């Protein structure tokens, strides 16, 4: 017997009223600075287009300014939207309270569906409850695997960050690493913490977390440099995003360190660094796929009553390793901004 998702009824807690017009959602634009790259449409969108009535779907993430990872997520979302006759509304803010307000805006605009990230699940609980109570289906992507069901989301698309961290820890063992530092660019982001915790669980050497201000790249560089100078025994730097890994390459040089670099996530510059050997490997969670599946899933639900995982299991998009053995294949897609 087919099951159709029914939004869960939850107590609604009023949100603080928005005080700036900059928080208003608009089609094809974002709150905060996404930069020119974030305005590019997805390459390779499907040639066909759904003949179903146009839907409006909001994608609300915790993207920080300058983080190119989210440009890839957005391209996937835009490709699905183009295929499915969806008007995609994109907004983002790394501040959890502001992100919740952006979701509230989407509810007020009576969108047909919402896709969100749950980097800080507690801050999103009440607004997600309000959306589902209003009959708006909500799906999760990227962050929140441990919390999506508890918050009443219909589906989730991403990787298990703890499992990904554990896989990286085992890879470090195989590489002969003895001492690592795991660089966290956003305090309080549960997914980033889970990655480093996973590394610690399986890595046979010693590891510690290093917190940096991910919105200030010169500060990231100087903090990593100082740590490497302070402790020359560090033989691997683990970054949690491509821009931070590329910055760590500079830090290693400035510190006169022999440490190698591994990272989570990709962009086209990162694949080039793997090819050159300045970065050893990356854990790929396929952000394009996360954005595509999240938006496409809302169209499938609205148009045909489908939902992936039956509302019980997440759809995993990673982890997978990219290193010198396979980087050339991945790089072909990374140059298009889709890996």
Foldseek 3Di string as FASTA:
>chain_A
DDDFDAQDADDADDADDDDDPLLAWDFQDERADAPPLLSDAAPPQDPAADPDPEFEEEEEEADDHPALLVSLLRNLLRSLCRRYNYRYIYYHHNDLSSSLVSLVNVVVVVGQEYEYAPQPVVSNLNSLNVCSVSVHAYEYEAHDQPNCLVSRHQAYEWADLLVQLLVVLVVCVVVVFAEEEEEDQDPSRVSSVSNPVSNCVRHPHYYYYDYFNNNDLVRLLVSLLVVCLVDLSHAEYEYAGQVSQVSVLVSCVVNVHNHAYEYEDDALVSLVCLQVPNHFKYWYQQSSVRSNCRNNQSSCCVVPNDHPPRSPDHHGRDTDMDHNVCSVVVNVVRVSVND
